[in-house]
Amino acid sequence: MASVAARSTGSGVGKSGKPWLRLMASYFMASRVISRIMDSLNC
């Protein structure tokens, strides 16, 4: 589900001429997922 949200927001941002925003959105989405995985492992 997160990848779908990142893809939909990224496509709109990419058209504005700022592809790095799409990369940043993907990075933050991935970091949130990784932090949740690490939290579940630490419990």
PDB file of N, CA and C in Angstrom:
ATOM      1  N   MET A   1       0.831  -1.196   0.000  1.00  0.00           N
ATOM      2  CA  MET A   1       0.000   0.000   0.000  1.00  0.00           C
ATOM      3  C   MET A   1       0.873   1.257   0.000  1.00  0.00           C
ATOM      4  N   ALA A   2       1.962   1.227   0.736  1.00  0.00           N
ATOM      5  CA  ALA A   2       2.854   2.383   0.795  1.00  0.00           C
ATOM      6  C   ALA A   2       3.482   2.654  -0.567  1.00  0.00           C
ATOM      7  N   SER A   3       3.822   1.585  -1.286  1.00  0.00           N
ATOM      8  CA  SER A   3       4.441   1.779  -2.597  1.00  0.00           C
ATOM      9  C   SER A   3       3.462   2.417  -3.568  1.00  0.00           C
ATOM     10  N   VAL A   4       2.183   2.101  -3.438  1.00  0.00           N
ATOM     11  CA  VAL A   4       1.169   2.705  -4.301  1.00  0.00           C
ATOM     12  C   VAL A   4       1.069   4.195  -4.021  1.00  0.00           C
ATOM     13  N   ALA A   5       1.095   4.572  -2.761  1.00  0.00           N
ATOM     14  CA  ALA A   5       1.021   5.988  -2.394  1.00  0.00           C
ATOM     15  C   ALA A   5       2.255   6.732  -2.888  1.00  0.00           C
ATOM     16  N   ALA A   6       3.418   6.120  -2.740  1.00  0.00           N
ATOM     17  CA  ALA A   6       4.656   6.760  -3.183  1.00  0.00           C
ATOM     18  C   ALA A   6       4.649   6.918  -4.702  1.00  0.00           C
ATOM     19  N   ARG A   7       4.120   5.918  -5.397  1.00  0.00           N
ATOM     20  CA  ARG A   7       4.084   5.967  -6.856  1.00  0.00           C
ATOM     21  C   ARG A   7       3.135   7.061  -7.341  1.00  0.00           C
ATOM     22  N   SER A   8       1.982   7.170  -6.699  1.00  0.00           N
ATOM     23  CA  SER A   8       0.999   8.159  -7.145  1.00  0.00           C
ATOM     24  C   SER A   8       1.490   9.573  -6.858  1.00  0.00           C
ATOM     25  N   THR A   9       2.113   9.788  -5.714  1.00  0.00           N
ATOM     26  CA  THR A   9       2.627  11.118  -5.404  1.00  0.00           C
ATOM     27  C   THR A   9       3.858  11.409  -6.251  1.00  0.00           C
ATOM     28  N   GLY A  10       4.658  10.380  -6.503  1.00  0.00           N
ATOM     29  CA  GLY A  10       5.875  10.564  -7.285  1.00  0.00           C
ATOM     30  C   GLY A  10       5.580  10.941  -8.719  1.00  0.00           C
ATOM     31  N   SER A  11       4.539  10.365  -9.315  1.00  0.00           N
ATOM     32  CA  SER A  11       4.224  10.667 -10.706  1.00  0.00           C
ATOM     33  C   SER A  11       3.835  12.140 -10.855  1.00  0.00           C
ATOM     34  N   GLY A  12       3.094  12.659  -9.897  1.00  0.00           N
ATOM     35  CA  GLY A  12       2.711  14.061  -9.965  1.00  0.00           C
ATOM     36  C   GLY A  12       3.890  14.980  -9.756  1.00  0.00           C
ATOM     37  N   VAL A  13       4.791  14.617  -8.855  1.00  0.00           N
ATOM     38  CA  VAL A  13       5.965  15.435  -8.583  1.00  0.00           C
ATOM     39  C   VAL A  13       6.919  15.396  -9.759  1.00  0.00           C
ATOM     40  N   GLY A  14       7.059  14.216 -10.389  1.00  0.00           N
ATOM     41  CA  GLY A  14       7.975  14.077 -11.514  1.00  0.00           C
ATOM     42  C   GLY A  14       7.603  14.998 -12.666  1.00  0.00           C
ATOM     43  N   LYS A  15       6.317  15.224 -12.864  1.00  0.00           N
ATOM     44  CA  LYS A  15       5.877  16.079 -13.960  1.00  0.00           C
ATOM     45  C   LYS A  15       6.226  17.542 -13.704  1.00  0.00           C
ATOM     46  N   SER A  16       6.426  17.898 -12.450  1.00  0.00           N
ATOM     47  CA  SER A  16       6.733  19.288 -12.129  1.00  0.00           C
ATOM     48  C   SER A  16       8.198  19.613 -12.394  1.00  0.00           C
ATOM     49  N   GLY A  17       8.997  18.611 -12.768  1.00  0.00           N
ATOM     50  CA  GLY A  17      10.397  18.853 -13.082  1.00  0.00           C
ATOM     51  C   GLY A  17      11.319  18.701 -11.891  1.00  0.00           C
ATOM     52  N   LYS A  18      10.854  18.071 -10.812  1.00  0.00           N
ATOM     53  CA  LYS A  18      11.689  17.873  -9.629  1.00  0.00           C
ATOM     54  C   LYS A  18      11.686  16.395  -9.245  1.00  0.00           C
ATOM     55  N   PRO A  19      12.423  15.566  -9.995  1.00  0.00           N
ATOM     56  CA  PRO A  19      12.420  14.122  -9.709  1.00  0.00           C
ATOM     57  C   PRO A  19      13.026  13.773  -8.356  1.00  0.00           C
ATOM     58  N   TRP A  20      13.873  14.654  -7.806  1.00  0.00           N
ATOM     59  CA  TRP A  20      14.495  14.362  -6.510  1.00  0.00           C
ATOM     60  C   TRP A  20      13.461  14.334  -5.406  1.00  0.00           C
ATOM     61  N   LEU A  21      12.345  15.048  -5.581  1.00  0.00           N
ATOM     62  CA  LEU A  21      11.283  14.991  -4.576  1.00  0.00           C
ATOM     63  C   LEU A  21      10.678  13.599  -4.523  1.00  0.00           C
ATOM     64  N   ARG A  22      10.571  12.953  -5.697  1.00  0.00           N
ATOM     65  CA  ARG A  22      10.045  11.595  -5.736  1.00  0.00           C
ATOM     66  C   ARG A  22      11.002  10.650  -5.011  1.00  0.00           C
ATOM     67  N   LEU A  23      12.303  10.859  -5.197  1.00  0.00           N
ATOM     68  CA  LEU A  23      13.283  10.019  -4.510  1.00  0.00           C
ATOM     69  C   LEU A  23      13.216  10.234  -3.007  1.00  0.00           C
ATOM     70  N   MET A  24      13.063  11.475  -2.581  1.00  0.00           N
ATOM     71  CA  MET A  24      12.971  11.767  -1.151  1.00  0.00           C
ATOM     72  C   MET A  24      11.714  11.134  -0.555  1.00  0.00           C
ATOM     73  N   ALA A  25      10.596  11.188  -1.281  1.00  0.00           N
ATOM     74  CA  ALA A  25       9.361  10.587  -0.792  1.00  0.00           C
ATOM     75  C   ALA A  25       9.539   9.080  -0.627  1.00  0.00           C
ATOM     76  N   SER A  26      10.204   8.452  -1.601  1.00  0.00           N
ATOM     77  CA  SER A  26      10.447   7.011  -1.523  1.00  0.00           C
ATOM     78  C   SER A  26      11.367   6.690  -0.350  1.00  0.00           C
ATOM     79  N   TYR A  27      12.386   7.533  -0.138  1.00  0.00           N
ATOM     80  CA  TYR A  27      13.336   7.315   0.952  1.00  0.00           C
ATOM     81  C   TYR A  27      12.632   7.395   2.305  1.00  0.00           C
ATOM     82  N   PHE A  28      11.812   8.407   2.501  1.00  0.00           N
ATOM     83  CA  PHE A  28      11.125   8.556   3.777  1.00  0.00           C
ATOM     84  C   PHE A  28      10.126   7.430   4.010  1.00  0.00           C
ATOM     85  N   MET A  29       9.477   6.986   2.941  1.00  0.00           N
ATOM     86  CA  MET A  29       8.527   5.880   3.064  1.00  0.00           C
ATOM     87  C   MET A  29       9.265   4.617   3.477  1.00  0.00           C
ATOM     88  N   ALA A  30      10.414   4.371   2.845  1.00  0.00           N
ATOM     89  CA  ALA A  30      11.193   3.175   3.160  1.00  0.00           C
ATOM     90  C   ALA A  30      11.754   3.253   4.579  1.00  0.00           C
ATOM     91  N   SER A  31      12.205   4.418   4.998  1.00  0.00           N
ATOM     92  CA  SER A  31      12.773   4.545   6.338  1.00  0.00           C
ATOM     93  C   SER A  31      11.710   4.307   7.406  1.00  0.00           C
ATOM     94  N   ARG A  32      10.478   4.719   7.131  1.00  0.00           N
ATOM     95  CA  ARG A  32       9.390   4.470   8.088  1.00  0.00           C
ATOM     96  C   ARG A  32       9.109   2.978   8.197  1.00  0.00           C
ATOM     97  N   VAL A  33       9.116   2.296   7.054  1.00  0.00           N
ATOM     98  CA  VAL A  33       8.869   0.847   7.050  1.00  0.00           C
ATOM     99  C   VAL A  33       9.975   0.129   7.804  1.00  0.00           C
ATOM    100  N   ILE A  34      11.221   0.517   7.538  1.00  0.00           N
ATOM    101  CA  ILE A  34      12.359  -0.129   8.199  1.00  0.00           C
ATOM    102  C   ILE A  34      12.312   0.111   9.704  1.00  0.00           C
ATOM    103  N   SER A  35      11.968   1.333  10.110  1.00  0.00           N
ATOM    104  CA  SER A  35      11.915   1.615  11.548  1.00  0.00           C
ATOM    105  C   SER A  35      10.826   0.791  12.223  1.00  0.00           C
ATOM    106  N   ARG A  36       9.717   0.569  11.537  1.00  0.00           N
ATOM    107  CA  ARG A  36       8.643  -0.253  12.121  1.00  0.00           C
ATOM    108  C   ARG A  36       9.100  -1.695  12.255  1.00  0.00           C
ATOM    109  N   ILE A  37       9.829  -2.191  11.264  1.00  0.00           N
ATOM    110  CA  ILE A  37      10.339  -3.565  11.323  1.00  0.00           C
ATOM    111  C   ILE A  37      11.313  -3.694  12.493  1.00  0.00           C
ATOM    112  N   MET A  38      12.201  -2.730  12.647  1.00  0.00           N
ATOM    113  CA  MET A  38      13.179  -2.780  13.741  1.00  0.00           C
ATOM    114  C   MET A  38      12.478  -2.699  15.086  1.00  0.00           C
ATOM    115  N   ASP A  39      11.448  -1.893  15.201  1.00  0.00           N
ATOM    116  CA  ASP A  39      10.698  -1.800  16.454  1.00  0.00           C
ATOM    117  C   ASP A  39      10.047  -3.138  16.798  1.00  0.00           C
ATOM    118  N   SER A  40       9.490  -3.798  15.798  1.00  0.00           N
ATOM    119  CA  SER A  40       8.836  -5.085  16.057  1.00  0.00           C
ATOM    120  C   SER A  40       9.848  -6.152  16.445  1.00  0.00           C
ATOM    121  N   LEU A  41      11.072  -6.057  15.905  1.00  0.00           N
ATOM    122  CA  LEU A  41      12.112  -7.024  16.252  1.00  0.00           C
ATOM    123  C   LEU A  41      12.627  -6.797  17.675  1.00  0.00           C
ATOM    124  N   ASN A  42      12.661  -5.537  18.098  1.00  0.00           N
ATOM    125  CA  ASN A  42      13.181  -5.216  19.424  1.00  0.00           C
ATOM    126  C   ASN A  42      12.208  -5.565  20.537  1.00  0.00           C
ATOM    127  N   CYS A  43      10.936  -5.728  20.237  1.00  0.00           N
ATOM    128  CA  CYS A  43       9.933  -6.002  21.279  1.00  0.00           C
ATOM    129  C   CYS A  43       9.986  -7.377  21.830  1.00  0.00           C
TER     130      CYS A  43
END
